[in-house]
PDB file of N, CA and C in Angstrom:
ATOM      1  N   MET A   1       0.782  -1.102   0.013  1.00  0.00           N
ATOM      2  CA  MET A   1       0.076  -0.024   0.064  1.00  0.00           C
ATOM      3  C   MET A   1       0.852   1.154  -0.144  1.00  0.00           C
ATOM      4  N   LYS A   2       0.440   2.245  -0.699  1.00  0.00           N
ATOM      5  CA  LYS A   2       1.272   3.574  -0.754  1.00  0.00           C
ATOM      6  C   LYS A   2       1.040   4.331   0.463  1.00  0.00           C
ATOM      7  N   GLU A   3       2.011   5.100   0.718  1.00  0.00           N
ATOM      8  CA  GLU A   3       2.139   5.878   2.009  1.00  0.00           C
ATOM      9  C   GLU A   3       1.011   6.921   1.829  1.00  0.00           C
ATOM     10  N   ILE A   4       0.298   7.226   3.047  1.00  0.00           N
ATOM     11  CA  ILE A   4      -0.807   8.210   3.113  1.00  0.00           C
ATOM     12  C   ILE A   4      -0.067   9.410   3.682  1.00  0.00           C
ATOM     13  N   ARG A   5      -0.126  10.372   3.004  1.00  0.00           N
ATOM     14  CA  ARG A   5       0.421  11.771   3.486  1.00  0.00           C
ATOM     15  C   ARG A   5      -0.646  12.840   3.740  1.00  0.00           C
ATOM     16  N   PHE A   6      -0.792  13.669   4.690  1.00  0.00           N
ATOM     17  CA  PHE A   6      -1.726  14.417   4.771  1.00  0.00           C
ATOM     18  C   PHE A   6      -1.278  15.944   4.321  1.00  0.00           C
ATOM     19  N   SER A   7      -2.270  16.643   3.277  1.00  0.00           N
ATOM     20  CA  SER A   7      -1.752  17.841   2.631  1.00  0.00           C
ATOM     21  C   SER A   7      -1.813  18.979   3.741  1.00  0.00           C
ATOM     22  N   GLU A   8      -1.572  20.121   3.511  1.00  0.00           N
ATOM     23  CA  GLU A   8      -1.604  21.175   4.565  1.00  0.00           C
ATOM     24  C   GLU A   8      -3.053  21.594   4.636  1.00  0.00           C
ATOM     25  N   HIS A   9      -3.957  21.517   3.512  1.00  0.00           N
ATOM     26  CA  HIS A   9      -5.370  21.608   3.555  1.00  0.00           C
ATOM     27  C   HIS A   9      -5.924  20.770   4.606  1.00  0.00           C
ATOM     28  N   SER A  10      -5.637  19.477   4.394  1.00  0.00           N
ATOM     29  CA  SER A  10      -6.212  18.518   5.314  1.00  0.00           C
ATOM     30  C   SER A  10      -6.007  18.670   6.779  1.00  0.00           C
ATOM     31  N   GLN A  11      -4.645  19.197   7.162  1.00  0.00           N
ATOM     32  CA  GLN A  11      -4.245  19.352   8.373  1.00  0.00           C
ATOM     33  C   GLN A  11      -5.076  20.574   8.863  1.00  0.00           C
ATOM     34  N   ILE A  12      -5.081  21.420   8.108  1.00  0.00           N
ATOM     35  CA  ILE A  12      -6.129  22.754   8.692  1.00  0.00           C
ATOM     36  C   ILE A  12      -7.404  22.372   8.958  1.00  0.00           C
ATOM     37  N   LYS A  13      -7.959  21.547   8.045  1.00  0.00           N
ATOM     38  CA  LYS A  13      -9.320  21.035   8.467  1.00  0.00           C
ATOM     39  C   LYS A  13      -9.211  20.364   9.759  1.00  0.00           C
ATOM     40  N   ILE A  14      -8.374  19.464   9.989  1.00  0.00           N
ATOM     41  CA  ILE A  14      -8.282  18.752  11.362  1.00  0.00           C
ATOM     42  C   ILE A  14      -8.144  19.660  12.415  1.00  0.00           C
ATOM     43  N   GLU A  15      -7.497  20.809  12.277  1.00  0.00           N
ATOM     44  CA  GLU A  15      -7.225  21.781  13.355  1.00  0.00           C
ATOM     45  C   GLU A  15      -8.601  22.692  13.484  1.00  0.00           C
ATOM     46  N   ILE A  16      -9.509  22.899  12.487  1.00  0.00           N
ATOM     47  CA  ILE A  16     -10.652  23.571  12.689  1.00  0.00           C
ATOM     48  C   ILE A  16     -11.734  22.591  13.346  1.00  0.00           C
ATOM     49  N   LEU A  17     -11.794  21.490  13.019  1.00  0.00           N
ATOM     50  CA  LEU A  17     -12.650  20.566  13.781  1.00  0.00           C
ATOM     51  C   LEU A  17     -12.230  20.482  15.131  1.00  0.00           C
ATOM     52  N   ALA A  18     -10.947  20.464  15.601  1.00  0.00           N
ATOM     53  CA  ALA A  18     -10.423  20.324  16.859  1.00  0.00           C
ATOM     54  C   ALA A  18     -10.955  21.717  17.591  1.00  0.00           C
ATOM     55  N   SER A  19     -10.878  22.942  16.901  1.00  0.00           N
ATOM     56  CA  SER A  19     -11.177  24.107  17.442  1.00  0.00           C
ATOM     57  C   SER A  19     -12.858  24.143  17.863  1.00  0.00           C
ATOM     58  N   HIS A  20     -13.539  23.384  17.224  1.00  0.00           N
ATOM     59  CA  HIS A  20     -15.019  23.236  17.405  1.00  0.00           C
ATOM     60  C   HIS A  20     -15.225  22.066  18.414  1.00  0.00           C
ATOM     61  N   GLY A  21     -14.187  21.468  18.873  1.00  0.00           N
ATOM     62  CA  GLY A  21     -14.359  20.272  19.974  1.00  0.00           C
ATOM     63  C   GLY A  21     -14.525  18.946  19.193  1.00  0.00           C
ATOM     64  N   ILE A  22     -14.171  18.786  18.047  1.00  0.00           N
ATOM     65  CA  ILE A  22     -14.143  17.659  17.318  1.00  0.00           C
ATOM     66  C   ILE A  22     -12.904  17.053  17.014  1.00  0.00           C
ATOM     67  N   THR A  23     -12.309  16.146  17.877  1.00  0.00           N
ATOM     68  CA  THR A  23     -11.056  15.589  17.790  1.00  0.00           C
ATOM     69  C   THR A  23     -10.937  14.528  16.898  1.00  0.00           C
ATOM     70  N   ILE A  24     -10.316  14.608  15.795  1.00  0.00           N
ATOM     71  CA  ILE A  24      -9.996  13.333  14.771  1.00  0.00           C
ATOM     72  C   ILE A  24      -8.657  13.160  14.723  1.00  0.00           C
ATOM     73  N   LYS A  25      -8.015  12.103  15.108  1.00  0.00           N
ATOM     74  CA  LYS A  25      -6.623  11.643  15.082  1.00  0.00           C
ATOM     75  C   LYS A  25      -6.254  11.258  13.566  1.00  0.00           C
ATOM     76  N   PRO A  26      -5.155  11.452  13.207  1.00  0.00           N
ATOM     77  CA  PRO A  26      -4.595  10.951  11.811  1.00  0.00           C
ATOM     78  C   PRO A  26      -4.704   9.660  11.719  1.00  0.00           C
ATOM     79  N   GLU A  27      -4.415   8.776  12.800  1.00  0.00           N
ATOM     80  CA  GLU A  27      -4.592   7.435  12.663  1.00  0.00           C
ATOM     81  C   GLU A  27      -5.932   6.913  12.294  1.00  0.00           C
ATOM     82  N   PHE A  28      -7.016   7.652  13.023  1.00  0.00           N
ATOM     83  CA  PHE A  28      -8.271   7.145  12.588  1.00  0.00           C
ATOM     84  C   PHE A  28      -8.713   7.331  11.012  1.00  0.00           C
ATOM     85  N   ILE A  29      -8.323   8.440  10.440  1.00  0.00           N
ATOM     86  CA  ILE A  29      -8.330   8.893   9.121  1.00  0.00           C
ATOM     87  C   ILE A  29      -7.815   7.795   8.204  1.00  0.00           C
ATOM     88  N   ILE A  30      -6.480   7.362   8.681  1.00  0.00           N
ATOM     89  CA  ILE A  30      -5.631   6.253   7.787  1.00  0.00           C
ATOM     90  C   ILE A  30      -6.433   4.907   7.934  1.00  0.00           C
ATOM     91  N   GLU A  31      -7.048   4.601   9.131  1.00  0.00           N
ATOM     92  CA  GLU A  31      -7.722   3.428   9.392  1.00  0.00           C
ATOM     93  C   GLU A  31      -8.874   3.324   8.558  1.00  0.00           C
ATOM     94  N   THR A  32      -9.570   4.519   8.513  1.00  0.00           N
ATOM     95  CA  THR A  32     -10.815   4.587   7.746  1.00  0.00           C
ATOM     96  C   THR A  32     -10.733   4.470   6.135  1.00  0.00           C
ATOM     97  N   ILE A  33      -9.533   5.121   5.783  1.00  0.00           N
ATOM     98  CA  ILE A  33      -9.199   4.860   4.346  1.00  0.00           C
ATOM     99  C   ILE A  33      -8.764   3.467   4.019  1.00  0.00           C
ATOM    100  N   CYS A  34      -8.144   2.801   4.784  1.00  0.00           N
ATOM    101  CA  CYS A  34      -7.665   1.611   4.582  1.00  0.00           C
ATOM    102  C   CYS A  34      -8.626   0.528   4.778  1.00  0.00           C
ATOM    103  N   SER A  35      -9.596   0.478   5.628  1.00  0.00           N
ATOM    104  CA  SER A  35     -10.754  -0.445   5.912  1.00  0.00           C
ATOM    105  C   SER A  35     -11.968   0.381   6.117  1.00  0.00           C
ATOM    106  N   PRO A  36     -12.587   1.035   5.025  1.00  0.00           N
ATOM    107  CA  PRO A  36     -14.053   1.596   5.255  1.00  0.00           C
ATOM    108  C   PRO A  36     -15.087   0.561   5.483  1.00  0.00           C
ATOM    109  N   ASP A  37     -16.183   1.006   6.312  1.00  0.00           N
ATOM    110  CA  ASP A  37     -17.148   0.209   6.694  1.00  0.00           C
ATOM    111  C   ASP A  37     -18.140  -0.203   5.502  1.00  0.00           C
ATOM    112  N   LYS A  38     -18.084   0.658   4.513  1.00  0.00           N
ATOM    113  CA  LYS A  38     -18.958   0.691   3.334  1.00  0.00           C
ATOM    114  C   LYS A  38     -18.187   1.154   2.270  1.00  0.00           C
ATOM    115  N   LEU A  39     -18.357   0.560   1.142  1.00  0.00           N
ATOM    116  CA  LEU A  39     -17.833   1.123  -0.083  1.00  0.00           C
ATOM    117  C   LEU A  39     -19.229   1.251  -1.095  1.00  0.00           C
ATOM    118  N   GLY A  40     -19.143   2.362  -1.620  1.00  0.00           N
ATOM    119  CA  GLY A  40     -20.164   2.766  -2.403  1.00  0.00           C
ATOM    120  C   GLY A  40     -19.707   3.176  -3.984  1.00  0.00           C
ATOM    121  N   ARG A  41     -20.686   3.386  -4.910  1.00  0.00           N
ATOM    122  CA  ARG A  41     -20.316   3.912  -6.165  1.00  0.00           C
ATOM    123  C   ARG A  41     -20.137   5.436  -6.159  1.00  0.00           C
ATOM    124  N   VAL A  42     -19.465   5.870  -6.953  1.00  0.00           N
ATOM    125  CA  VAL A  42     -19.061   7.477  -7.263  1.00  0.00           C
ATOM    126  C   VAL A  42     -19.747   7.577  -8.469  1.00  0.00           C
ATOM    127  N   PHE A  43     -20.637   8.712  -8.353  1.00  0.00           N
ATOM    128  CA  PHE A  43     -21.326   9.137  -9.601  1.00  0.00           C
ATOM    129  C   PHE A  43     -20.882  10.347  -9.860  1.00  0.00           C
ATOM    130  N   LYS A  44     -20.489  10.432 -11.123  1.00  0.00           N
ATOM    131  CA  LYS A  44     -20.000  11.890 -11.743  1.00  0.00           C
ATOM    132  C   LYS A  44     -21.227  12.489 -12.332  1.00  0.00           C
ATOM    133  N   VAL A  45     -21.256  13.973 -12.034  1.00  0.00           N
ATOM    134  CA  VAL A  45     -22.224  14.897 -12.528  1.00  0.00           C
ATOM    135  C   VAL A  45     -21.697  15.557 -13.514  1.00  0.00           C
ATOM    136  N   LYS A  46     -22.258  15.568 -14.796  1.00  0.00           N
ATOM    137  CA  LYS A  46     -21.885  16.490 -15.665  1.00  0.00           C
ATOM    138  C   LYS A  46     -22.236  18.019 -15.501  1.00  0.00           C
ATOM    139  N   ASN A  47     -21.407  18.933 -15.772  1.00  0.00           N
ATOM    140  CA  ASN A  47     -21.709  20.350 -15.886  1.00  0.00           C
ATOM    141  C   ASN A  47     -22.479  20.594 -17.047  1.00  0.00           C
ATOM    142  N   LEU A  48     -23.904  20.847 -16.697  1.00  0.00           N
ATOM    143  CA  LEU A  48     -24.764  21.182 -17.758  1.00  0.00           C
ATOM    144  C   LEU A  48     -24.667  22.734 -18.439  1.00  0.00           C
ATOM    145  N   MET A  49     -23.748  23.574 -17.820  1.00  0.00           N
ATOM    146  CA  MET A  49     -23.821  24.938 -18.143  1.00  0.00           C
ATOM    147  C   MET A  49     -22.556  25.277 -19.098  1.00  0.00           C
TER     148      MET A  49
END
């Protein structure tokens, strides 16, 4: 498996959540990416304009 690295943007989002009292550890995010509870289809939406 490839190494999972967090972008600066994702680190800022984690900090914002923490400032609102929602603590999410990077280990939790990595575990969720590696073993999600559910896999679903991704639907692409065409830009109609």
